[in-house]
Amino acid sequence: MKVLLMISTISLFSFSAIAVSDYEKGMLKGLEMLKNANDLQASIDVVNYFERVAEANKTEWLPLYYAGYASLSVGFQQEKVEMKDDWYQKGLGFVKKAELLKENESELLAMEGYLTLMYISNDPMKRAPSQTRNAIGLLEKAKALNPNNPRPWFIHGQNTFYTPEFYGGGAKNAKPLLDKALALYNAFTPENNLMPVWGKERCEMLLKEK
């Protein structure tokens, strides 16, 4: 009886290890796709891929996070404003689902703020007065939840960089935020090989622009 119990326990642990390994393998494949997605269709493929990974791993928040991030990339590449809106809203939907699985996660709040700011940028005269404060508030909460996370600082700095100087934006006002982000990027170590690491190269590029 003890032998049977031991065999059953070993089998259970082995099955769990395989399941985790399959999830990680699938995530790493998706991250490689994301890294190499250089056109619109490739970015759409990444969204669809991570959506499938999320469906197969309903308790994991990272596939939804990356589906949101890839949706952001698709939105960037769309030419029509309404198509951009659709993809940013789709990305926000993924992030909202992820937040149900992982509350008070700095990376998710930063991504929610990023997607919201990009949605605002499609019609700033109409949306900025009522929505910008909430978007920046999401970034501030992300900073507070994880003071070592460079991404909310980078997103805040990038948004400031492209905001007209008349409204408190421009390169000069963005510099302190981007400097802070870069310092955090230089010191940042992800918890594991699936966690977000993006943004440093873009941050460095903005700091070089005048």
N, C-alpha and C. Protein backbone atom coordinates (compact mmCIF):
# COMPACT_ATOMS: atom_id res chain seq x y z
N MET A 1 0.83 -1.21 0.00
CA MET A 1 0.00 0.00 0.00
C MET A 1 0.86 1.25 0.00
N LYS A 2 1.90 1.24 0.86
CA LYS A 2 2.81 2.38 0.92
C LYS A 2 3.52 2.58 -0.41
N VAL A 3 3.88 1.44 -1.07
CA VAL A 3 4.56 1.52 -2.35
C VAL A 3 3.65 2.14 -3.40
N LEU A 4 2.38 1.72 -3.40
CA LEU A 4 1.42 2.26 -4.36
C LEU A 4 1.20 3.75 -4.13
N LEU A 5 1.12 4.13 -2.85
CA LEU A 5 0.94 5.54 -2.51
C LEU A 5 2.13 6.36 -2.98
N MET A 6 3.35 5.81 -2.77
CA MET A 6 4.56 6.50 -3.17
C MET A 6 4.61 6.67 -4.69
N ILE A 7 4.24 5.61 -5.41
CA ILE A 7 4.24 5.67 -6.87
C ILE A 7 3.24 6.71 -7.37
N SER A 8 2.05 6.74 -6.72
CA SER A 8 1.03 7.71 -7.10
C SER A 8 1.51 9.13 -6.86
N THR A 9 2.20 9.34 -5.72
CA THR A 9 2.71 10.67 -5.38
C THR A 9 3.76 11.11 -6.38
N ILE A 10 4.68 10.18 -6.70
CA ILE A 10 5.73 10.50 -7.67
C ILE A 10 5.12 10.84 -9.02
N SER A 11 4.10 10.06 -9.43
CA SER A 11 3.44 10.31 -10.70
C SER A 11 2.79 11.68 -10.72
N LEU A 12 2.17 12.05 -9.59
CA LEU A 12 1.50 13.35 -9.50
C LEU A 12 2.51 14.48 -9.64
N PHE A 13 3.64 14.36 -8.91
CA PHE A 13 4.67 15.39 -9.00
C PHE A 13 5.27 15.45 -10.40
N SER A 14 5.43 14.30 -11.02
CA SER A 14 6.00 14.28 -12.37
C SER A 14 5.07 14.96 -13.35
N PHE A 15 3.75 14.70 -13.20
CA PHE A 15 2.78 15.33 -14.09
C PHE A 15 2.78 16.84 -13.91
N SER A 16 2.88 17.29 -12.64
CA SER A 16 2.90 18.72 -12.37
C SER A 16 4.13 19.37 -12.98
N ALA A 17 5.27 18.68 -12.87
CA ALA A 17 6.50 19.23 -13.42
C ALA A 17 6.41 19.37 -14.94
N ILE A 18 5.78 18.37 -15.59
CA ILE A 18 5.62 18.41 -17.03
C ILE A 18 4.72 19.57 -17.42
N ALA A 19 3.62 19.77 -16.63
CA ALA A 19 2.67 20.84 -16.92
C ALA A 19 3.35 22.20 -16.82
N VAL A 20 4.11 22.40 -15.77
CA VAL A 20 4.83 23.66 -15.60
C VAL A 20 5.83 23.85 -16.73
N SER A 21 6.54 22.79 -17.06
CA SER A 21 7.53 22.86 -18.12
C SER A 21 6.86 23.22 -19.46
N ASP A 22 5.71 22.64 -19.74
CA ASP A 22 4.99 22.94 -20.96
C ASP A 22 4.56 24.40 -21.00
N TYR A 23 4.10 24.92 -19.86
CA TYR A 23 3.70 26.32 -19.78
C TYR A 23 4.89 27.23 -20.05
N GLU A 24 5.99 26.96 -19.40
CA GLU A 24 7.18 27.79 -19.59
C GLU A 24 7.68 27.71 -21.03
N LYS A 25 7.65 26.51 -21.58
CA LYS A 25 8.09 26.33 -22.97
C LYS A 25 7.21 27.15 -23.90
N GLY A 26 5.90 27.10 -23.65
CA GLY A 26 4.97 27.86 -24.48
C GLY A 26 5.18 29.36 -24.34
N MET A 27 5.43 29.81 -23.11
CA MET A 27 5.67 31.23 -22.88
C MET A 27 6.95 31.71 -23.55
N LEU A 28 8.00 30.91 -23.44
CA LEU A 28 9.27 31.29 -24.06
C LEU A 28 9.14 31.36 -25.58
N LYS A 29 8.35 30.48 -26.15
CA LYS A 29 8.10 30.54 -27.60
C LYS A 29 7.40 31.86 -27.95
N GLY A 30 6.40 32.23 -27.12
CA GLY A 30 5.68 33.47 -27.36
C GLY A 30 6.57 34.69 -27.23
N LEU A 31 7.46 34.67 -26.24
CA LEU A 31 8.37 35.80 -26.06
C LEU A 31 9.34 35.93 -27.23
N GLU A 32 9.74 34.81 -27.79
CA GLU A 32 10.61 34.85 -28.97
C GLU A 32 9.84 35.41 -30.16
N MET A 33 8.58 35.02 -30.30
CA MET A 33 7.74 35.58 -31.36
C MET A 33 7.60 37.08 -31.19
N LEU A 34 7.38 37.51 -29.95
CA LEU A 34 7.23 38.93 -29.66
C LEU A 34 8.50 39.70 -30.02
N LYS A 35 9.62 39.14 -29.67
CA LYS A 35 10.91 39.78 -29.95
C LYS A 35 11.14 39.96 -31.44
N ASN A 36 10.67 39.00 -32.24
CA ASN A 36 10.94 39.01 -33.68
C ASN A 36 9.78 39.54 -34.51
N ALA A 37 8.75 40.04 -33.87
CA ALA A 37 7.57 40.54 -34.60
C ALA A 37 7.88 41.92 -35.18
N ASN A 38 8.19 41.96 -36.46
CA ASN A 38 8.63 43.21 -37.10
C ASN A 38 7.60 43.81 -38.04
N ASP A 39 6.41 43.22 -38.11
CA ASP A 39 5.37 43.81 -38.95
C ASP A 39 4.01 43.57 -38.32
N LEU A 40 2.99 44.14 -38.93
CA LEU A 40 1.65 44.10 -38.37
C LEU A 40 1.13 42.69 -38.18
N GLN A 41 1.23 41.86 -39.21
CA GLN A 41 0.68 40.51 -39.12
C GLN A 41 1.41 39.68 -38.05
N ALA A 42 2.72 39.84 -37.98
CA ALA A 42 3.48 39.11 -36.96
C ALA A 42 3.04 39.51 -35.56
N SER A 43 2.75 40.80 -35.37
CA SER A 43 2.29 41.27 -34.06
C SER A 43 0.90 40.73 -33.73
N ILE A 44 0.02 40.67 -34.74
CA ILE A 44 -1.31 40.08 -34.55
C ILE A 44 -1.18 38.61 -34.18
N ASP A 45 -0.25 37.92 -34.84
CA ASP A 45 -0.01 36.51 -34.53
C ASP A 45 0.41 36.33 -33.07
N VAL A 46 1.20 37.27 -32.56
CA VAL A 46 1.65 37.20 -31.16
C VAL A 46 0.45 37.37 -30.22
N VAL A 47 -0.41 38.33 -30.53
CA VAL A 47 -1.63 38.51 -29.71
C VAL A 47 -2.42 37.22 -29.66
N ASN A 48 -2.67 36.64 -30.82
CA ASN A 48 -3.46 35.41 -30.89
C ASN A 48 -2.78 34.26 -30.16
N TYR A 49 -1.46 34.20 -30.27
CA TYR A 49 -0.72 33.12 -29.61
C TYR A 49 -0.86 33.22 -28.09
N PHE A 50 -0.60 34.41 -27.54
CA PHE A 50 -0.69 34.55 -26.09
C PHE A 50 -2.13 34.40 -25.59
N GLU A 51 -3.08 34.76 -26.42
CA GLU A 51 -4.48 34.54 -26.04
C GLU A 51 -4.76 33.05 -25.90
N ARG A 52 -4.20 32.24 -26.78
CA ARG A 52 -4.37 30.79 -26.68
C ARG A 52 -3.65 30.23 -25.45
N VAL A 53 -2.46 30.74 -25.17
CA VAL A 53 -1.74 30.30 -23.98
C VAL A 53 -2.53 30.65 -22.72
N ALA A 54 -3.12 31.82 -22.71
CA ALA A 54 -3.94 32.23 -21.56
C ALA A 54 -5.15 31.32 -21.40
N GLU A 55 -5.76 30.95 -22.50
CA GLU A 55 -6.94 30.08 -22.45
C GLU A 55 -6.56 28.70 -21.90
N ALA A 56 -5.36 28.26 -22.22
CA ALA A 56 -4.91 26.94 -21.76
C ALA A 56 -4.35 26.98 -20.34
N ASN A 57 -4.08 28.17 -19.83
CA ASN A 57 -3.51 28.33 -18.48
C ASN A 57 -4.28 29.42 -17.75
N LYS A 58 -5.49 29.10 -17.35
CA LYS A 58 -6.44 30.09 -16.87
C LYS A 58 -6.07 30.75 -15.55
N THR A 59 -5.10 30.21 -14.83
CA THR A 59 -4.69 30.82 -13.56
C THR A 59 -3.44 31.68 -13.69
N GLU A 60 -2.89 31.77 -14.89
CA GLU A 60 -1.65 32.52 -15.11
C GLU A 60 -1.96 33.90 -15.70
N TRP A 61 -1.36 34.95 -15.12
CA TRP A 61 -1.62 36.31 -15.59
C TRP A 61 -0.68 36.79 -16.67
N LEU A 62 0.51 36.21 -16.75
CA LEU A 62 1.50 36.70 -17.71
C LEU A 62 1.08 36.53 -19.18
N PRO A 63 0.42 35.43 -19.57
CA PRO A 63 -0.01 35.36 -20.98
C PRO A 63 -0.95 36.50 -21.35
N LEU A 64 -1.84 36.87 -20.45
CA LEU A 64 -2.75 37.99 -20.70
C LEU A 64 -1.99 39.31 -20.75
N TYR A 65 -0.99 39.44 -19.89
CA TYR A 65 -0.16 40.65 -19.91
C TYR A 65 0.50 40.81 -21.28
N TYR A 66 1.11 39.74 -21.78
CA TYR A 66 1.81 39.84 -23.06
C TYR A 66 0.84 39.97 -24.23
N ALA A 67 -0.36 39.41 -24.10
CA ALA A 67 -1.38 39.65 -25.13
C ALA A 67 -1.73 41.13 -25.17
N GLY A 68 -1.78 41.77 -23.99
CA GLY A 68 -2.02 43.20 -23.92
C GLY A 68 -0.89 44.00 -24.52
N TYR A 69 0.34 43.59 -24.21
CA TYR A 69 1.52 44.29 -24.74
C TYR A 69 1.59 44.17 -26.25
N ALA A 70 1.30 42.96 -26.78
CA ALA A 70 1.30 42.77 -28.22
C ALA A 70 0.18 43.56 -28.89
N SER A 71 -0.96 43.69 -28.21
CA SER A 71 -2.05 44.51 -28.73
C SER A 71 -1.62 45.97 -28.85
N LEU A 72 -0.82 46.42 -27.91
CA LEU A 72 -0.26 47.76 -27.97
C LEU A 72 0.57 47.94 -29.23
N SER A 73 1.39 46.95 -29.54
CA SER A 73 2.23 46.99 -30.73
C SER A 73 1.39 47.01 -32.00
N VAL A 74 0.33 46.22 -32.02
CA VAL A 74 -0.56 46.22 -33.19
C VAL A 74 -1.20 47.59 -33.35
N GLY A 75 -1.64 48.19 -32.25
CA GLY A 75 -2.25 49.52 -32.30
C GLY A 75 -1.29 50.55 -32.86
N PHE A 76 -0.02 50.49 -32.45
CA PHE A 76 0.99 51.41 -32.98
C PHE A 76 1.03 51.36 -34.51
N GLN A 77 0.92 50.14 -35.03
CA GLN A 77 1.14 49.93 -36.46
C GLN A 77 -0.09 50.17 -37.33
N GLN A 78 -1.25 50.28 -36.71
CA GLN A 78 -2.46 50.56 -37.47
C GLN A 78 -2.46 51.99 -37.99
N GLU A 79 -3.00 52.20 -39.16
CA GLU A 79 -3.04 53.53 -39.75
C GLU A 79 -4.33 54.28 -39.39
N LYS A 80 -5.43 53.58 -39.30
CA LYS A 80 -6.71 54.22 -39.02
C LYS A 80 -6.92 54.38 -37.52
N VAL A 81 -7.40 55.55 -37.13
CA VAL A 81 -7.62 55.86 -35.72
C VAL A 81 -8.56 54.86 -35.07
N GLU A 82 -9.64 54.51 -35.77
CA GLU A 82 -10.61 53.59 -35.19
C GLU A 82 -10.02 52.20 -34.97
N MET A 83 -9.09 51.79 -35.84
CA MET A 83 -8.44 50.50 -35.66
C MET A 83 -7.47 50.55 -34.48
N LYS A 84 -6.79 51.67 -34.32
CA LYS A 84 -5.93 51.83 -33.16
C LYS A 84 -6.76 51.71 -31.88
N ASP A 85 -7.87 52.43 -31.85
CA ASP A 85 -8.75 52.38 -30.68
C ASP A 85 -9.17 50.95 -30.36
N ASP A 86 -9.54 50.21 -31.38
CA ASP A 86 -10.00 48.83 -31.18
C ASP A 86 -8.91 47.98 -30.52
N TRP A 87 -7.68 48.14 -30.98
CA TRP A 87 -6.60 47.31 -30.45
C TRP A 87 -6.19 47.75 -29.05
N TYR A 88 -6.20 49.04 -28.79
CA TYR A 88 -5.88 49.48 -27.43
C TYR A 88 -6.95 49.01 -26.45
N GLN A 89 -8.20 49.05 -26.86
CA GLN A 89 -9.27 48.56 -26.01
C GLN A 89 -9.18 47.04 -25.82
N LYS A 90 -8.79 46.35 -26.87
CA LYS A 90 -8.60 44.90 -26.77
C LYS A 90 -7.50 44.60 -25.76
N GLY A 91 -6.40 45.37 -25.86
CA GLY A 91 -5.30 45.19 -24.91
C GLY A 91 -5.73 45.46 -23.49
N LEU A 92 -6.53 46.51 -23.29
CA LEU A 92 -7.03 46.81 -21.94
C LEU A 92 -7.90 45.68 -21.42
N GLY A 93 -8.65 45.03 -22.31
CA GLY A 93 -9.46 43.89 -21.90
C GLY A 93 -8.60 42.75 -21.37
N PHE A 94 -7.49 42.48 -22.05
CA PHE A 94 -6.58 41.43 -21.57
C PHE A 94 -6.02 41.80 -20.19
N VAL A 95 -5.62 43.05 -20.02
CA VAL A 95 -5.03 43.48 -18.75
C VAL A 95 -6.05 43.40 -17.62
N LYS A 96 -7.27 43.79 -17.89
CA LYS A 96 -8.32 43.72 -16.87
C LYS A 96 -8.55 42.28 -16.42
N LYS A 97 -8.52 41.36 -17.35
CA LYS A 97 -8.65 39.94 -17.00
C LYS A 97 -7.46 39.49 -16.15
N ALA A 98 -6.28 39.94 -16.52
CA ALA A 98 -5.08 39.57 -15.77
C ALA A 98 -5.14 40.11 -14.35
N GLU A 99 -5.69 41.31 -14.17
CA GLU A 99 -5.77 41.92 -12.85
C GLU A 99 -6.71 41.17 -11.92
N LEU A 100 -7.64 40.39 -12.49
CA LEU A 100 -8.49 39.54 -11.67
C LEU A 100 -7.71 38.37 -11.10
N LEU A 101 -6.65 37.98 -11.79
CA LEU A 101 -5.81 36.87 -11.36
C LEU A 101 -4.67 37.34 -10.45
N LYS A 102 -4.20 38.55 -10.65
CA LYS A 102 -3.04 39.08 -9.91
C LYS A 102 -3.33 40.52 -9.51
N GLU A 103 -3.81 40.70 -8.30
CA GLU A 103 -4.14 42.04 -7.83
C GLU A 103 -2.88 42.80 -7.43
N ASN A 104 -2.95 44.12 -7.59
CA ASN A 104 -1.86 45.00 -7.16
C ASN A 104 -0.51 44.59 -7.73
N GLU A 105 -0.49 44.31 -9.00
CA GLU A 105 0.75 43.96 -9.71
C GLU A 105 1.24 45.19 -10.47
N SER A 106 2.44 45.64 -10.14
CA SER A 106 3.00 46.84 -10.75
C SER A 106 3.05 46.77 -12.27
N GLU A 107 3.45 45.63 -12.81
CA GLU A 107 3.58 45.50 -14.26
C GLU A 107 2.22 45.66 -14.95
N LEU A 108 1.18 45.10 -14.36
CA LEU A 108 -0.15 45.20 -14.96
C LEU A 108 -0.68 46.63 -14.92
N LEU A 109 -0.47 47.31 -13.80
CA LEU A 109 -0.93 48.69 -13.70
C LEU A 109 -0.17 49.59 -14.67
N ALA A 110 1.12 49.34 -14.83
CA ALA A 110 1.91 50.10 -15.79
C ALA A 110 1.39 49.88 -17.21
N MET A 111 1.09 48.63 -17.55
CA MET A 111 0.57 48.33 -18.88
C MET A 111 -0.82 48.93 -19.09
N GLU A 112 -1.64 48.91 -18.06
CA GLU A 112 -2.96 49.54 -18.15
C GLU A 112 -2.81 51.04 -18.40
N GLY A 113 -1.87 51.66 -17.68
CA GLY A 113 -1.62 53.08 -17.89
C GLY A 113 -1.11 53.36 -19.30
N TYR A 114 -0.23 52.51 -19.80
CA TYR A 114 0.34 52.68 -21.15
C TYR A 114 -0.75 52.61 -22.22
N LEU A 115 -1.57 51.57 -22.14
CA LEU A 115 -2.64 51.39 -23.12
C LEU A 115 -3.64 52.54 -23.05
N THR A 116 -3.93 53.00 -21.84
CA THR A 116 -4.86 54.11 -21.67
C THR A 116 -4.30 55.39 -22.28
N LEU A 117 -3.02 55.66 -22.06
CA LEU A 117 -2.39 56.84 -22.64
C LEU A 117 -2.38 56.79 -24.16
N MET A 118 -2.15 55.62 -24.73
CA MET A 118 -2.16 55.51 -26.18
C MET A 118 -3.57 55.68 -26.73
N TYR A 119 -4.55 55.20 -26.01
CA TYR A 119 -5.95 55.41 -26.41
C TYR A 119 -6.27 56.90 -26.38
N ILE A 120 -5.83 57.59 -25.33
CA ILE A 120 -6.03 59.03 -25.23
C ILE A 120 -5.38 59.77 -26.40
N SER A 121 -4.19 59.32 -26.79
CA SER A 121 -3.43 60.01 -27.83
C SER A 121 -4.12 59.99 -29.18
N ASN A 122 -5.08 59.08 -29.38
CA ASN A 122 -5.80 59.03 -30.64
C ASN A 122 -6.80 60.18 -30.80
N ASP A 123 -7.23 60.75 -29.69
CA ASP A 123 -8.15 61.88 -29.73
C ASP A 123 -7.89 62.74 -28.49
N PRO A 124 -6.70 63.34 -28.41
CA PRO A 124 -6.29 64.01 -27.17
C PRO A 124 -7.17 65.18 -26.77
N MET A 125 -7.66 65.95 -27.72
CA MET A 125 -8.48 67.10 -27.38
C MET A 125 -9.76 66.68 -26.65
N LYS A 126 -10.31 65.57 -27.04
CA LYS A 126 -11.54 65.08 -26.44
C LYS A 126 -11.29 64.25 -25.18
N ARG A 127 -10.25 63.44 -25.20
CA ARG A 127 -10.05 62.45 -24.14
C ARG A 127 -9.11 62.91 -23.02
N ALA A 128 -8.09 63.68 -23.38
CA ALA A 128 -7.07 64.03 -22.39
C ALA A 128 -7.62 64.73 -21.14
N PRO A 129 -8.52 65.71 -21.28
CA PRO A 129 -8.97 66.42 -20.08
C PRO A 129 -9.62 65.52 -19.03
N SER A 130 -10.31 64.48 -19.47
CA SER A 130 -11.05 63.63 -18.53
C SER A 130 -10.34 62.32 -18.18
N GLN A 131 -9.35 61.91 -18.98
CA GLN A 131 -8.78 60.58 -18.79
C GLN A 131 -7.29 60.55 -18.42
N THR A 132 -6.57 61.64 -18.67
CA THR A 132 -5.13 61.63 -18.42
C THR A 132 -4.80 61.44 -16.95
N ARG A 133 -5.53 62.12 -16.07
CA ARG A 133 -5.25 62.00 -14.65
C ARG A 133 -5.35 60.54 -14.18
N ASN A 134 -6.35 59.83 -14.66
CA ASN A 134 -6.49 58.43 -14.28
C ASN A 134 -5.33 57.60 -14.79
N ALA A 135 -4.91 57.85 -16.04
CA ALA A 135 -3.80 57.09 -16.63
C ALA A 135 -2.51 57.32 -15.85
N ILE A 136 -2.21 58.56 -15.54
CA ILE A 136 -1.00 58.86 -14.77
C ILE A 136 -1.11 58.28 -13.36
N GLY A 137 -2.32 58.29 -12.82
CA GLY A 137 -2.54 57.70 -11.51
C GLY A 137 -2.21 56.22 -11.48
N LEU A 138 -2.51 55.51 -12.57
CA LEU A 138 -2.16 54.09 -12.68
C LEU A 138 -0.64 53.91 -12.65
N LEU A 139 0.07 54.79 -13.34
CA LEU A 139 1.54 54.72 -13.34
C LEU A 139 2.10 55.02 -11.96
N GLU A 140 1.52 56.00 -11.27
CA GLU A 140 1.99 56.33 -9.92
C GLU A 140 1.76 55.17 -8.96
N LYS A 141 0.63 54.50 -9.11
CA LYS A 141 0.36 53.34 -8.26
C LYS A 141 1.35 52.21 -8.57
N ALA A 142 1.66 52.05 -9.85
CA ALA A 142 2.63 51.02 -10.26
C ALA A 142 3.99 51.31 -9.65
N LYS A 143 4.39 52.59 -9.64
CA LYS A 143 5.66 52.97 -9.02
C LYS A 143 5.67 52.65 -7.53
N ALA A 144 4.56 52.95 -6.86
CA ALA A 144 4.49 52.73 -5.42
C ALA A 144 4.51 51.25 -5.06
N LEU A 145 3.85 50.44 -5.88
CA LEU A 145 3.78 49.01 -5.59
C LEU A 145 5.14 48.33 -5.75
N ASN A 146 5.91 48.80 -6.72
CA ASN A 146 7.26 48.24 -6.92
C ASN A 146 8.21 49.37 -7.30
N PRO A 147 8.86 49.98 -6.30
CA PRO A 147 9.77 51.10 -6.56
C PRO A 147 10.95 50.74 -7.46
N ASN A 148 11.20 49.45 -7.66
CA ASN A 148 12.31 49.02 -8.50
C ASN A 148 11.91 48.75 -9.94
N ASN A 149 10.64 48.92 -10.26
CA ASN A 149 10.16 48.66 -11.61
C ASN A 149 10.42 49.88 -12.50
N PRO A 150 11.22 49.75 -13.54
CA PRO A 150 11.53 50.91 -14.38
C PRO A 150 10.42 51.28 -15.35
N ARG A 151 9.51 50.35 -15.66
CA ARG A 151 8.56 50.58 -16.75
C ARG A 151 7.55 51.71 -16.49
N PRO A 152 6.97 51.84 -15.29
CA PRO A 152 6.06 52.99 -15.11
C PRO A 152 6.77 54.33 -15.24
N TRP A 153 8.03 54.40 -14.83
CA TRP A 153 8.80 55.63 -15.00
C TRP A 153 9.08 55.90 -16.47
N PHE A 154 9.42 54.85 -17.22
CA PHE A 154 9.66 55.00 -18.65
C PHE A 154 8.40 55.45 -19.38
N ILE A 155 7.28 54.80 -19.10
CA ILE A 155 6.02 55.14 -19.77
C ILE A 155 5.63 56.58 -19.46
N HIS A 156 5.78 56.97 -18.20
CA HIS A 156 5.48 58.34 -17.79
C HIS A 156 6.40 59.32 -18.52
N GLY A 157 7.69 58.99 -18.59
CA GLY A 157 8.65 59.84 -19.27
C GLY A 157 8.39 59.95 -20.76
N GLN A 158 8.07 58.84 -21.38
CA GLN A 158 7.79 58.85 -22.81
C GLN A 158 6.56 59.69 -23.12
N ASN A 159 5.52 59.53 -22.31
CA ASN A 159 4.31 60.32 -22.50
C ASN A 159 4.60 61.82 -22.34
N THR A 160 5.42 62.15 -21.34
CA THR A 160 5.79 63.55 -21.13
C THR A 160 6.61 64.09 -22.30
N PHE A 161 7.49 63.26 -22.83
CA PHE A 161 8.34 63.65 -23.96
C PHE A 161 7.50 64.10 -25.14
N TYR A 162 6.40 63.39 -25.42
CA TYR A 162 5.58 63.69 -26.59
C TYR A 162 4.41 64.63 -26.29
N THR A 163 4.30 65.06 -25.04
CA THR A 163 3.29 66.05 -24.69
C THR A 163 3.84 67.44 -25.02
N PRO A 164 3.03 68.32 -25.61
CA PRO A 164 3.52 69.67 -25.92
C PRO A 164 4.03 70.40 -24.68
N GLU A 165 5.06 71.20 -24.86
CA GLU A 165 5.65 71.95 -23.74
C GLU A 165 4.61 72.84 -23.05
N PHE A 166 3.67 73.35 -23.82
CA PHE A 166 2.62 74.22 -23.27
C PHE A 166 1.85 73.52 -22.15
N TYR A 167 1.75 72.18 -22.27
CA TYR A 167 1.02 71.39 -21.27
C TYR A 167 1.96 70.70 -20.29
N GLY A 168 3.19 71.15 -20.21
CA GLY A 168 4.13 70.59 -19.25
C GLY A 168 4.96 69.44 -19.76
N GLY A 169 4.96 69.27 -21.09
CA GLY A 169 5.72 68.17 -21.67
C GLY A 169 7.02 68.62 -22.31
N GLY A 170 7.50 67.79 -23.24
CA GLY A 170 8.75 68.09 -23.93
C GLY A 170 9.93 67.34 -23.34
N ALA A 171 11.05 67.37 -24.07
CA ALA A 171 12.24 66.62 -23.68
C ALA A 171 12.79 67.04 -22.32
N LYS A 172 12.79 68.34 -22.06
CA LYS A 172 13.35 68.84 -20.80
C LYS A 172 12.57 68.32 -19.59
N ASN A 173 11.27 68.36 -19.68
CA ASN A 173 10.45 67.89 -18.57
C ASN A 173 10.42 66.36 -18.46
N ALA A 174 10.67 65.70 -19.58
CA ALA A 174 10.69 64.23 -19.57
C ALA A 174 11.98 63.67 -19.00
N LYS A 175 13.06 64.46 -19.10
CA LYS A 175 14.39 63.95 -18.75
C LYS A 175 14.49 63.37 -17.33
N PRO A 176 14.00 64.05 -16.29
CA PRO A 176 14.11 63.47 -14.94
C PRO A 176 13.41 62.10 -14.81
N LEU A 177 12.28 61.97 -15.49
CA LEU A 177 11.54 60.70 -15.46
C LEU A 177 12.31 59.61 -16.20
N LEU A 178 12.86 59.96 -17.35
CA LEU A 178 13.61 58.98 -18.14
C LEU A 178 14.94 58.64 -17.48
N ASP A 179 15.57 59.63 -16.84
CA ASP A 179 16.81 59.34 -16.09
C ASP A 179 16.53 58.35 -14.97
N LYS A 180 15.44 58.56 -14.27
CA LYS A 180 15.06 57.64 -13.19
C LYS A 180 14.80 56.25 -13.75
N ALA A 181 14.08 56.20 -14.87
CA ALA A 181 13.79 54.91 -15.50
C ALA A 181 15.07 54.18 -15.88
N LEU A 182 16.01 54.90 -16.49
CA LEU A 182 17.25 54.27 -16.94
C LEU A 182 18.05 53.75 -15.77
N ALA A 183 18.10 54.51 -14.68
CA ALA A 183 18.81 54.04 -13.48
C ALA A 183 18.20 52.75 -12.96
N LEU A 184 16.88 52.68 -12.99
CA LEU A 184 16.20 51.47 -12.54
C LEU A 184 16.42 50.32 -13.51
N TYR A 185 16.42 50.60 -14.82
CA TYR A 185 16.72 49.55 -15.80
C TYR A 185 18.12 48.97 -15.56
N ASN A 186 19.07 49.82 -15.28
CA ASN A 186 20.45 49.36 -15.08
C ASN A 186 20.60 48.49 -13.85
N ALA A 187 19.71 48.67 -12.88
CA ALA A 187 19.77 47.89 -11.64
C ALA A 187 18.77 46.75 -11.62
N PHE A 188 17.92 46.67 -12.64
CA PHE A 188 16.78 45.74 -12.62
C PHE A 188 17.19 44.30 -12.90
N THR A 189 16.66 43.39 -12.09
CA THR A 189 16.81 41.95 -12.32
C THR A 189 15.44 41.31 -12.26
N PRO A 190 14.96 40.71 -13.34
CA PRO A 190 13.62 40.09 -13.31
C PRO A 190 13.56 38.90 -12.37
N GLU A 191 12.38 38.65 -11.84
CA GLU A 191 12.20 37.53 -10.91
C GLU A 191 12.49 36.20 -11.58
N ASN A 192 12.14 36.09 -12.86
CA ASN A 192 12.41 34.86 -13.62
C ASN A 192 12.45 35.23 -15.10
N ASN A 193 12.69 34.22 -15.94
CA ASN A 193 12.89 34.50 -17.37
C ASN A 193 11.61 34.76 -18.14
N LEU A 194 10.46 34.78 -17.45
CA LEU A 194 9.20 35.09 -18.11
C LEU A 194 8.71 36.50 -17.82
N MET A 195 9.31 37.15 -16.86
CA MET A 195 8.85 38.48 -16.46
C MET A 195 9.28 39.55 -17.46
N PRO A 196 8.55 40.66 -17.53
CA PRO A 196 8.87 41.73 -18.49
C PRO A 196 10.25 42.34 -18.29
N VAL A 197 10.91 42.65 -19.39
CA VAL A 197 12.22 43.32 -19.35
C VAL A 197 12.30 44.45 -20.37
N TRP A 198 11.23 44.73 -21.07
CA TRP A 198 11.25 45.66 -22.19
C TRP A 198 11.37 47.12 -21.74
N GLY A 199 11.83 47.98 -22.68
CA GLY A 199 11.78 49.42 -22.49
C GLY A 199 13.11 50.13 -22.42
N LYS A 200 14.18 49.44 -22.07
CA LYS A 200 15.45 50.13 -21.83
C LYS A 200 15.99 50.81 -23.09
N GLU A 201 16.00 50.12 -24.21
CA GLU A 201 16.56 50.68 -25.44
C GLU A 201 15.78 51.92 -25.87
N ARG A 202 14.48 51.85 -25.76
CA ARG A 202 13.65 53.00 -26.12
C ARG A 202 13.91 54.18 -25.17
N CYS A 203 14.09 53.88 -23.92
CA CYS A 203 14.40 54.91 -22.92
C CYS A 203 15.72 55.60 -23.27
N GLU A 204 16.71 54.83 -23.60
CA GLU A 204 18.02 55.40 -23.96
C GLU A 204 17.91 56.26 -25.21
N MET A 205 17.10 55.82 -26.17
CA MET A 205 16.94 56.57 -27.40
C MET A 205 16.28 57.94 -27.14
N LEU A 206 15.26 57.94 -26.30
CA LEU A 206 14.58 59.22 -25.99
C LEU A 206 15.51 60.19 -25.28
N LEU A 207 16.36 59.66 -24.43
CA LEU A 207 17.30 60.54 -23.70
C LEU A 207 18.33 61.16 -24.64
N LYS A 208 18.58 60.55 -25.77
CA LYS A 208 19.54 61.08 -26.74
C LYS A 208 18.90 62.13 -27.65
N GLU A 209 17.55 62.11 -27.73
CA GLU A 209 16.86 63.06 -28.58
C GLU A 209 16.74 64.41 -27.88
N LYS A 210 16.68 65.46 -28.67
CA LYS A 210 16.55 66.81 -28.12
C LYS A 210 15.16 67.37 -28.43
